[in-house]
Amino acid sequence: MSLFRKIFGSSNDASNDENQSEFNNIPSSFSLLPVDEKFTYSFKKNGGKFIYCEDLTEVKEQFLNILEENDWFECEAMCFEPKLHSMLDENKLTYKDVANPKFLFASCENLIADEGSILFSSNQIKQQKPNDLPANIVILATTSQIIESKSDGLTVIKKKYDKDYPTNITTIKYFEKAKEEDFLQYGSAAKNLYLLLLEDL
């Protein structure tokens, strides 16, 4: 049984909201936690919305639920990755030459456990700066993409791309407005971010 299944139950369970509060208190043994638990705690503490999926059918169902929840049907979406276009086509979403996208639909390079952030490159967001991206973001990632730190993420990118090295490598960390002004957030717009996490381990 997957760690994510144990923590969150299936996507059909109502346990997600009940377990929400346990992520507000990071345990004192945080540094000793397995990398997947670290990411889960940090990501939810940052305000990200986490949806665990066992297979692609579940991914498509949950994506549809996100569209319904936000009334994003027949709207414009930003998406630069051809491998994701079929999910947008299935739901009649426009993604070519869009002027006012409601959300960004993208994959990512890695999920950074120690700070609960998402690592992007030009392969997902071209040369867009995080503040220029739509306020709403839907990310499709896999459990094998969870790594410990940003430096590990850069190492993975170097190995993965070898010569065709991507540009615009950046992270997005804040997924809700801070209740109080946090100087660490200065200059970075908070994003309403959904993570569809597909089990592949």
Protein backbone atom coordinates (compact mmCIF):
# COMPACT_ATOMS: atom_id res chain seq x y z
CA MET A 1 0.00 0.00 0.00
CA SER A 2 1.40 3.38 -1.03
CA LEU A 3 2.28 6.00 1.55
CA PHE A 4 -0.04 8.42 -0.22
CA ARG A 5 -2.89 5.90 -0.13
CA LYS A 6 -2.30 5.48 3.64
CA ILE A 7 -2.25 9.22 4.30
CA PHE A 8 -4.99 10.39 1.98
CA GLY A 9 -7.06 7.30 1.22
CA SER A 10 -8.41 6.93 -2.29
CA SER A 11 -9.52 9.97 -4.26
CA ASN A 12 -13.10 8.84 -3.56
CA ASP A 13 -12.64 8.98 0.23
CA ALA A 14 -13.71 12.03 2.19
CA SER A 15 -10.64 11.76 4.42
CA ASN A 16 -8.62 14.48 2.68
CA ASP A 17 -10.31 17.36 4.53
CA GLU A 18 -10.17 15.54 7.87
CA ASN A 19 -6.42 15.00 7.51
CA GLN A 20 -5.79 18.60 6.46
CA SER A 21 -5.09 19.86 9.98
CA GLU A 22 -2.35 17.32 10.69
CA PHE A 23 -0.15 19.01 8.07
CA ASN A 24 -0.14 22.34 9.88
CA ASN A 25 2.29 20.99 12.49
CA ILE A 26 5.58 19.80 11.02
CA PRO A 27 7.02 17.10 13.29
CA SER A 28 10.29 17.73 15.13
CA SER A 29 11.72 14.68 13.33
CA PHE A 30 11.04 16.31 9.93
CA SER A 31 14.63 15.85 8.69
CA LEU A 32 14.38 12.10 9.38
CA LEU A 33 11.18 11.58 7.39
CA PRO A 34 11.25 9.72 4.04
CA VAL A 35 11.41 12.08 1.07
CA ASP A 36 7.77 11.48 0.01
CA GLU A 37 6.42 12.28 3.50
CA LYS A 38 8.59 15.41 3.64
CA PHE A 39 7.18 16.65 0.35
CA THR A 40 3.61 15.94 1.44
CA TYR A 41 4.01 17.90 4.69
CA SER A 42 5.83 20.85 3.11
CA PHE A 43 3.58 21.11 0.04
CA LYS A 44 0.36 21.13 2.07
CA LYS A 45 1.86 23.57 4.60
CA ASN A 46 2.54 25.94 1.67
CA GLY A 47 -1.15 25.77 0.73
CA GLY A 48 -0.98 23.41 -2.25
CA LYS A 49 -3.93 21.19 -3.12
CA PHE A 50 -2.81 17.59 -3.35
CA ILE A 51 -4.71 14.90 -5.30
CA TYR A 52 -3.22 11.41 -5.31
CA CYS A 53 -4.08 9.22 -8.34
CA GLU A 54 -3.34 5.52 -8.82
CA ASP A 55 -3.66 5.49 -12.62
CA LEU A 56 -4.33 7.68 -15.67
CA THR A 57 -8.08 7.05 -15.52
CA GLU A 58 -8.10 8.56 -12.04
CA VAL A 59 -5.96 11.49 -13.26
CA LYS A 60 -8.56 12.29 -15.95
CA GLU A 61 -11.44 11.99 -13.45
CA GLN A 62 -9.73 14.31 -10.97
CA PHE A 63 -8.84 16.80 -13.71
CA LEU A 64 -12.53 16.89 -14.65
CA ASN A 65 -13.40 17.48 -10.97
CA ILE A 66 -11.00 20.46 -10.87
CA LEU A 67 -12.64 21.92 -13.99
CA GLU A 68 -16.09 21.48 -12.42
CA GLU A 69 -15.04 22.95 -9.08
CA ASN A 70 -13.73 26.12 -10.76
CA ASP A 71 -16.18 26.32 -13.68
CA TRP A 72 -13.33 26.20 -16.21
CA PHE A 73 -15.26 24.44 -18.98
CA GLU A 74 -14.84 25.82 -22.51
CA CYS A 75 -12.32 28.40 -21.31
CA GLU A 76 -8.74 29.19 -22.35
CA ALA A 77 -5.80 27.37 -20.75
CA MET A 78 -2.05 27.91 -21.02
CA CYS A 79 -0.21 24.72 -21.96
CA PHE A 80 3.11 24.45 -23.80
CA GLU A 81 3.46 20.63 -23.73
CA PRO A 82 1.98 18.61 -26.63
CA LYS A 83 1.84 15.46 -24.45
CA LEU A 84 -0.82 17.18 -22.30
CA HIS A 85 -2.95 18.61 -25.11
CA SER A 86 -5.17 15.51 -25.39
CA MET A 87 -6.57 16.10 -21.87
CA LEU A 88 -7.42 19.68 -22.84
CA ASP A 89 -8.95 18.56 -26.14
CA GLU A 90 -11.14 15.99 -24.34
CA ASN A 91 -12.58 18.79 -22.22
CA LYS A 92 -12.98 21.34 -25.05
CA LEU A 93 -10.40 23.75 -23.65
CA THR A 94 -8.59 26.19 -25.96
CA TYR A 95 -4.80 26.36 -25.58
CA LYS A 96 -3.53 27.79 -28.91
CA ASP A 97 -2.88 31.55 -29.14
CA VAL A 98 -4.76 32.28 -25.94
CA ALA A 99 -5.14 35.83 -24.63
CA ASN A 100 -6.72 35.26 -21.23
CA PRO A 101 -5.99 31.76 -19.86
CA LYS A 102 -7.81 30.77 -16.69
CA PHE A 103 -5.07 28.32 -15.66
CA LEU A 104 -1.72 26.80 -16.58
CA PHE A 105 -1.72 23.05 -17.20
CA ALA A 106 1.80 21.63 -17.04
CA SER A 107 4.10 18.88 -15.90
CA CYS A 108 7.26 19.77 -13.97
CA GLU A 109 10.90 18.77 -13.68
CA ASN A 110 10.72 17.67 -10.04
CA LEU A 111 8.89 18.03 -6.74
CA ILE A 112 11.22 19.41 -4.04
CA ALA A 113 10.59 17.70 -0.70
CA ASP A 114 12.42 19.90 1.80
CA GLU A 115 10.52 23.05 0.85
CA GLY A 116 7.37 21.63 -0.79
CA SER A 117 7.98 23.46 -4.07
CA ILE A 118 7.58 22.63 -7.77
CA LEU A 119 10.66 22.86 -10.03
CA PHE A 120 9.99 24.04 -13.59
CA SER A 121 12.10 24.74 -16.66
CA SER A 122 11.54 26.18 -20.12
CA ASN A 123 10.20 22.75 -21.14
CA GLN A 124 7.05 23.45 -19.14
CA ILE A 125 6.72 27.26 -18.97
CA LYS A 126 8.90 28.50 -21.88
CA GLN A 127 10.40 31.86 -20.83
CA GLN A 128 7.49 32.91 -18.61
CA LYS A 129 8.37 34.23 -15.16
CA PRO A 130 6.32 32.78 -12.27
CA ASN A 131 4.56 36.13 -11.70
CA ASP A 132 3.51 36.18 -15.39
CA LEU A 133 1.83 32.77 -15.20
CA PRO A 134 -1.93 32.50 -14.53
CA ALA A 135 -2.96 32.65 -10.86
CA ASN A 136 -4.34 29.10 -11.18
CA ILE A 137 -2.04 26.16 -11.97
CA VAL A 138 -2.75 22.44 -12.43
CA ILE A 139 0.36 20.23 -12.34
CA LEU A 140 0.58 16.60 -13.43
CA ALA A 141 3.56 14.86 -11.80
CA THR A 142 4.58 11.37 -10.70
CA THR A 143 5.74 10.01 -7.35
CA SER A 144 9.17 9.20 -8.86
CA GLN A 145 9.74 12.94 -9.41
CA ILE A 146 9.92 13.67 -5.67
CA ILE A 147 13.48 14.52 -4.64
CA GLU A 148 15.09 15.97 -1.51
CA SER A 149 16.32 19.44 -2.48
CA LYS A 150 16.76 22.02 -5.25
CA SER A 151 20.41 21.03 -5.70
CA ASP A 152 19.27 17.43 -6.28
CA GLY A 153 16.79 18.81 -8.83
CA LEU A 154 19.54 20.59 -10.75
CA THR A 155 21.63 17.41 -10.73
CA VAL A 156 18.67 15.45 -12.15
CA ILE A 157 18.16 18.07 -14.88
CA LYS A 158 21.86 17.92 -15.85
CA LYS A 159 21.74 14.12 -16.16
CA LYS A 160 18.39 14.07 -17.93
CA TYR A 161 19.12 16.62 -20.63
CA ASP A 162 22.90 16.25 -21.05
CA LYS A 163 23.44 18.60 -24.02
CA ASP A 164 19.99 20.09 -24.67
CA TYR A 165 19.97 21.87 -21.30
CA PRO A 166 16.74 23.78 -20.56
CA THR A 167 16.67 27.44 -19.56
CA ASN A 168 14.43 29.38 -17.17
CA ILE A 169 14.83 26.90 -14.30
CA THR A 170 12.67 28.15 -11.42
CA THR A 171 10.52 27.00 -8.52
CA ILE A 172 7.07 27.96 -7.31
CA LYS A 173 6.63 27.57 -3.58
CA TYR A 174 3.75 29.71 -2.32
CA PHE A 175 0.26 28.42 -3.06
CA GLU A 176 -1.85 30.73 -0.93
CA LYS A 177 -1.68 34.28 0.36
CA ALA A 178 0.26 34.46 3.62
CA LYS A 179 -1.93 35.31 6.60
CA GLU A 180 0.71 37.82 7.64
CA GLU A 181 3.26 39.53 5.44
CA ASP A 182 6.25 37.20 5.09
CA PHE A 183 9.37 38.92 3.76
CA LEU A 184 10.40 35.64 2.10
CA GLN A 185 7.34 35.95 -0.14
CA TYR A 186 8.12 39.51 -1.16
CA GLY A 187 7.83 39.91 -4.93
CA SER A 188 6.35 36.45 -5.53
CA ALA A 189 2.65 36.12 -6.33
CA ALA A 190 0.93 33.21 -4.58
CA LYS A 191 -0.61 30.65 -6.94
CA ASN A 192 -3.74 28.55 -6.54
CA LEU A 193 -2.07 25.24 -7.32
CA TYR A 194 -3.48 21.74 -7.76
CA LEU A 195 -1.08 18.79 -7.93
CA LEU A 196 -2.32 15.63 -9.65
CA LEU A 197 0.24 13.13 -8.35
CA LEU A 198 0.30 9.87 -10.31
CA GLU A 199 1.71 6.77 -8.59
CA ASP A 200 4.49 5.27 -10.72
CA LEU A 201 6.68 3.50 -8.14
